[in-house]
Amino acid sequence: MLIDPRVNKLVIFNGGGGIVERQIKLNLNQGLNKFEIANVPASFDPNSADIRLEFINPQDKNSITLQQTIVSLPDRNTSQQIIDREKSAATSIISYAIDFTRELREKVSNICEASSYRTYADMKGIFEFIINSTKQEEVVVKIIYFIADLRIKWQTTLTVDIKDNGNTAEIEGFLVVDNQTGFSYENVELGFAIFELPSTDMQIQMDEYYGGEGEMAQEAISNLSRQKKTQRMRNLML
């Protein structure tokens, strides 16, 4: 069964990437229940994937068990071929966009522009899990995974308002979130953490990630306890 758990928490790193927590209440049938999670970006690290069961009734702990998790990333070569075809098609459509009406032309242009920025990280990964239940019951499932995508990050900015007398000023500080990924996060509990993806060069980070290595994510997960949370905000849209 395809499910789309809501993203309720997102911790963003100032160096890029972050931790995603999703949650959903599921109705279980007696026996094996297989679920596939929708909208998991290919930037997630399969080694960081974690499933947690929260039992509505404490006695369900003995009757409901997590049987198996199946996680993987899409094939890089196949994905790149799809992306290249999309970009080629978008270029051809733009060439003939003048033949469309103005309203349709704007919609087509927006779709084609999105395709031109599409990368492997905007593809979708596979995240499946199987729950075994001895009876029909409900259970709350929490899904947590790490995303290693430098296109989502936060940074600080200051605004200084110097008064007319020249002797006083007001300073306001802001945290600005930049999300250039193909995935949006609506009405989430947003956390900010000071943390750099372990690398000395941004290009090395990208090469390691797109090469399918999980070392960065593993180190990031192991260092979560040492992160400094700087601020929490609720009900934001990225």
Protein backbone atom coordinates (compact mmCIF):
# COMPACT_ATOMS: atom_id res chain seq x y z
CA MET A 1 0.00 0.00 0.00
CA LEU A 2 1.33 3.42 -0.95
CA ILE A 3 1.21 5.89 1.95
CA ASP A 4 2.32 9.52 2.27
CA PRO A 5 3.09 10.22 5.94
CA ARG A 6 2.98 13.87 6.87
CA VAL A 7 6.30 15.58 7.58
CA ASN A 8 5.80 16.94 11.09
CA LYS A 9 9.40 17.78 12.03
CA LEU A 10 12.36 19.00 10.01
CA VAL A 11 15.77 19.86 11.47
CA ILE A 12 17.85 21.82 8.95
CA PHE A 13 21.64 22.09 9.10
CA ASN A 14 23.36 25.39 8.37
CA GLY A 15 25.83 23.45 6.21
CA GLY A 16 23.07 21.81 4.19
CA GLY A 17 20.80 18.79 4.59
CA GLY A 18 18.92 17.75 7.69
CA ILE A 19 16.75 15.22 9.50
CA VAL A 20 13.17 14.53 8.38
CA GLU A 21 10.56 13.03 10.70
CA ARG A 22 7.25 11.84 9.28
CA GLN A 23 4.27 10.29 11.04
CA ILE A 24 1.07 8.45 10.15
CA LYS A 25 -1.59 6.32 11.84
CA LEU A 26 -2.16 3.03 10.02
CA ASN A 27 -4.95 0.47 10.10
CA LEU A 28 -3.46 -3.01 10.17
CA ASN A 29 -4.99 -6.24 8.96
CA GLN A 30 -4.23 -9.57 10.57
CA GLY A 31 -1.02 -10.95 9.09
CA LEU A 32 1.65 -9.13 7.07
CA ASN A 33 1.01 -5.49 6.10
CA LYS A 34 3.33 -4.03 3.46
CA PHE A 35 3.62 -0.26 2.99
CA GLU A 36 5.55 1.95 0.58
CA ILE A 37 6.32 5.54 1.60
CA ALA A 38 5.73 8.14 -1.10
CA ASN A 39 7.79 11.29 -1.76
CA VAL A 40 11.09 10.12 -0.29
CA PRO A 41 13.84 12.12 -2.04
CA ALA A 42 16.83 10.34 -3.53
CA SER A 43 18.96 12.56 -1.30
CA PHE A 44 18.03 10.43 1.72
CA ASP A 45 20.59 8.02 3.11
CA PRO A 46 19.20 4.44 3.28
CA ASN A 47 21.57 3.67 6.16
CA SER A 48 19.90 6.36 8.27
CA ALA A 49 16.32 5.11 7.71
CA ASP A 50 14.51 4.36 10.96
CA ILE A 51 10.98 3.10 11.65
CA ARG A 52 9.44 3.49 15.11
CA LEU A 53 6.11 2.08 16.24
CA GLU A 54 4.00 3.88 18.82
CA PHE A 55 1.28 1.64 20.21
CA ILE A 56 -2.13 3.12 20.86
CA ASN A 57 -2.79 0.35 23.38
CA PRO A 58 0.23 -0.77 25.49
CA GLN A 59 -0.77 -4.43 25.16
CA ASP A 60 -0.37 -4.20 21.36
CA LYS A 61 3.40 -4.33 21.81
CA ASN A 62 3.22 -8.12 21.83
CA SER A 63 0.89 -8.41 18.85
CA ILE A 64 2.33 -5.78 16.47
CA THR A 65 5.94 -6.04 15.29
CA LEU A 66 8.06 -4.43 12.61
CA GLN A 67 9.00 -7.32 10.34
CA GLN A 68 11.25 -5.78 7.71
CA THR A 69 12.37 -2.52 6.11
CA ILE A 70 13.43 -2.18 2.47
CA VAL A 71 15.29 0.97 1.43
CA SER A 72 17.26 1.81 -1.70
CA LEU A 73 18.18 4.64 -4.04
CA PRO A 74 17.25 4.83 -7.73
CA ASP A 75 19.89 3.77 -10.23
CA ARG A 76 22.04 6.77 -11.03
CA ASN A 77 22.56 6.05 -14.73
CA THR A 78 18.90 5.33 -15.43
CA SER A 79 17.81 8.41 -13.49
CA GLN A 80 20.24 10.60 -15.40
CA GLN A 81 18.88 9.33 -18.71
CA ILE A 82 15.35 10.24 -17.61
CA ILE A 83 16.48 13.70 -16.49
CA ASP A 84 18.31 14.30 -19.78
CA ARG A 85 15.22 13.30 -21.78
CA GLU A 86 13.07 15.64 -19.69
CA LYS A 87 15.46 18.54 -20.26
CA SER A 88 15.61 17.83 -23.98
CA ALA A 89 11.82 17.69 -24.20
CA ALA A 90 11.53 20.92 -22.18
CA THR A 91 13.90 22.71 -24.57
CA SER A 92 11.87 21.57 -27.57
CA ILE A 93 8.58 22.65 -25.98
CA ILE A 94 9.97 26.09 -25.11
CA SER A 95 11.02 26.54 -28.74
CA TYR A 96 7.37 26.23 -29.82
CA ALA A 97 5.82 27.94 -26.77
CA ILE A 98 4.99 31.00 -28.88
CA ASP A 99 2.22 28.97 -30.51
CA PHE A 100 0.41 28.60 -27.17
CA THR A 101 -2.02 31.05 -25.65
CA ARG A 102 -0.50 33.42 -23.07
CA GLU A 103 -2.06 31.60 -20.10
CA LEU A 104 -1.01 28.18 -21.34
CA ARG A 105 2.42 29.45 -22.32
CA GLU A 106 3.13 30.62 -18.75
CA LYS A 107 2.11 27.25 -17.31
CA VAL A 108 4.22 25.37 -19.83
CA SER A 109 7.20 27.66 -19.19
CA ASN A 110 7.00 27.06 -15.44
CA ILE A 111 6.93 23.28 -15.93
CA CYS A 112 9.84 23.40 -18.37
CA GLU A 113 11.86 25.66 -16.09
CA ALA A 114 11.38 23.21 -13.21
CA SER A 115 12.59 20.39 -15.46
CA SER A 116 15.73 22.32 -16.37
CA TYR A 117 16.77 22.47 -12.71
CA ARG A 118 15.96 18.84 -11.98
CA THR A 119 18.81 16.74 -10.57
CA TYR A 120 19.30 13.21 -9.29
CA ALA A 121 18.48 14.41 -5.76
CA ASP A 122 14.97 15.32 -6.97
CA MET A 123 14.25 11.74 -7.96
CA LYS A 124 12.49 9.47 -5.48
CA GLY A 125 14.02 6.75 -3.37
CA ILE A 126 12.42 3.48 -2.25
CA PHE A 127 11.38 3.13 1.38
CA GLU A 128 9.16 0.17 2.21
CA PHE A 129 8.40 -1.64 5.45
CA ILE A 130 6.40 -4.65 6.61
CA ILE A 131 4.44 -4.86 9.86
CA ASN A 132 3.19 -8.15 11.24
CA SER A 133 0.01 -8.03 13.30
CA THR A 134 -1.86 -10.87 15.01
CA LYS A 135 -5.13 -8.92 14.83
CA GLN A 136 -6.82 -5.94 13.20
CA GLU A 137 -5.48 -2.90 14.98
CA GLU A 138 -4.20 0.66 14.63
CA VAL A 139 -0.64 1.80 15.18
CA VAL A 140 1.22 5.12 14.85
CA VAL A 141 4.33 4.89 12.67
CA LYS A 142 7.18 7.39 12.81
CA ILE A 143 9.66 7.48 9.92
CA ILE A 144 13.02 9.25 10.33
CA TYR A 145 15.76 9.69 7.74
CA PHE A 146 18.69 11.93 6.92
CA ILE A 147 18.81 14.00 3.72
CA ALA A 148 22.23 14.98 2.35
CA ASP A 149 21.20 17.82 0.06
CA LEU A 150 23.22 21.04 0.05
CA ARG A 151 20.35 22.89 -1.62
CA ILE A 152 18.39 23.16 1.62
CA LYS A 153 20.10 25.10 4.42
CA TRP A 154 19.74 28.11 6.69
CA GLN A 155 21.83 31.18 7.31
CA THR A 156 21.70 34.25 9.54
CA THR A 157 21.15 37.84 8.47
CA LEU A 158 21.02 41.14 10.37
CA THR A 159 19.06 44.35 9.74
CA VAL A 160 20.40 47.55 11.34
CA ASP A 161 18.07 50.56 11.68
CA ILE A 162 20.05 53.69 12.64
CA LYS A 163 17.86 56.34 14.26
CA ASP A 164 17.77 59.95 13.10
CA ASN A 165 19.83 61.17 16.04
CA GLY A 166 22.68 58.95 14.96
CA ASN A 167 23.29 57.80 18.51
CA THR A 168 21.03 54.74 18.67
CA ALA A 169 20.17 51.86 16.42
CA GLU A 170 17.92 48.81 16.38
CA ILE A 171 19.33 45.47 15.28
CA GLU A 172 17.12 42.60 14.18
CA GLY A 173 18.44 39.13 13.52
CA PHE A 174 16.79 36.59 11.22
CA LEU A 175 17.26 32.99 10.19
CA VAL A 176 16.70 32.62 6.46
CA VAL A 177 15.87 29.17 5.06
CA ASP A 178 16.84 28.48 1.46
CA ASN A 179 15.10 25.46 -0.10
CA GLN A 180 16.03 24.87 -3.73
CA THR A 181 15.10 21.19 -3.74
CA GLY A 182 12.16 19.71 -5.59
CA PHE A 183 10.40 18.85 -2.30
CA SER A 184 8.32 21.23 -0.19
CA TYR A 185 7.50 21.02 3.52
CA GLU A 186 4.27 22.57 4.75
CA ASN A 187 3.23 23.34 8.34
CA VAL A 188 6.18 21.59 9.94
CA GLU A 189 7.89 22.01 13.29
CA LEU A 190 11.12 23.47 12.04
CA GLY A 191 14.40 23.15 13.91
CA PHE A 192 17.76 24.72 13.15
CA ALA A 193 21.07 23.06 13.96
CA ILE A 194 24.67 24.19 13.57
CA PHE A 195 26.30 21.36 11.70
CA GLU A 196 28.51 21.03 8.64
CA LEU A 197 28.42 18.01 6.39
CA PRO A 198 31.85 16.37 6.87
CA SER A 199 33.89 17.53 3.91
CA THR A 200 36.50 20.15 3.13
CA ASP A 201 35.07 21.13 -0.22
CA MET A 202 31.52 21.53 -1.49
CA GLN A 203 32.27 19.75 -4.76
CA ILE A 204 33.65 16.78 -2.84
CA GLN A 205 30.40 16.71 -0.87
CA MET A 206 28.36 16.61 -4.03
CA ASP A 207 30.56 13.95 -5.63
CA GLU A 208 30.38 11.73 -2.57
CA TYR A 209 26.64 12.10 -2.30
CA TYR A 210 25.83 11.58 -5.95
CA GLY A 211 28.17 8.62 -6.01
CA GLY A 212 25.80 6.89 -3.61
CA GLU A 213 28.14 6.89 -0.60
CA GLY A 214 26.50 7.02 2.84
CA GLU A 215 29.54 8.04 4.90
CA MET A 216 28.49 11.67 5.26
CA ALA A 217 25.03 10.76 6.46
CA GLN A 218 26.36 8.17 8.88
CA GLU A 219 28.75 10.68 10.44
CA ALA A 220 25.97 13.26 10.56
CA ILE A 221 23.62 10.88 12.35
CA SER A 222 26.29 9.87 14.86
CA ASN A 223 26.96 13.52 15.67
CA LEU A 224 23.35 14.61 16.14
CA SER A 225 23.71 14.67 19.92
CA ARG A 226 26.47 17.28 19.59
CA GLN A 227 24.48 19.65 17.41
CA LYS A 228 23.49 23.01 18.81
CA LYS A 229 19.81 23.76 18.32
CA THR A 230 19.54 27.50 17.75
CA GLN A 231 15.82 28.09 17.34
CA ARG A 232 12.51 26.31 16.87
CA MET A 233 9.52 27.62 14.96
CA ARG A 234 6.17 26.12 14.11
CA ASN A 235 3.75 26.19 11.19
CA LEU A 236 6.17 27.26 8.51
CA MET A 237 6.07 26.55 4.79
CA LEU A 238 9.22 25.97 2.78
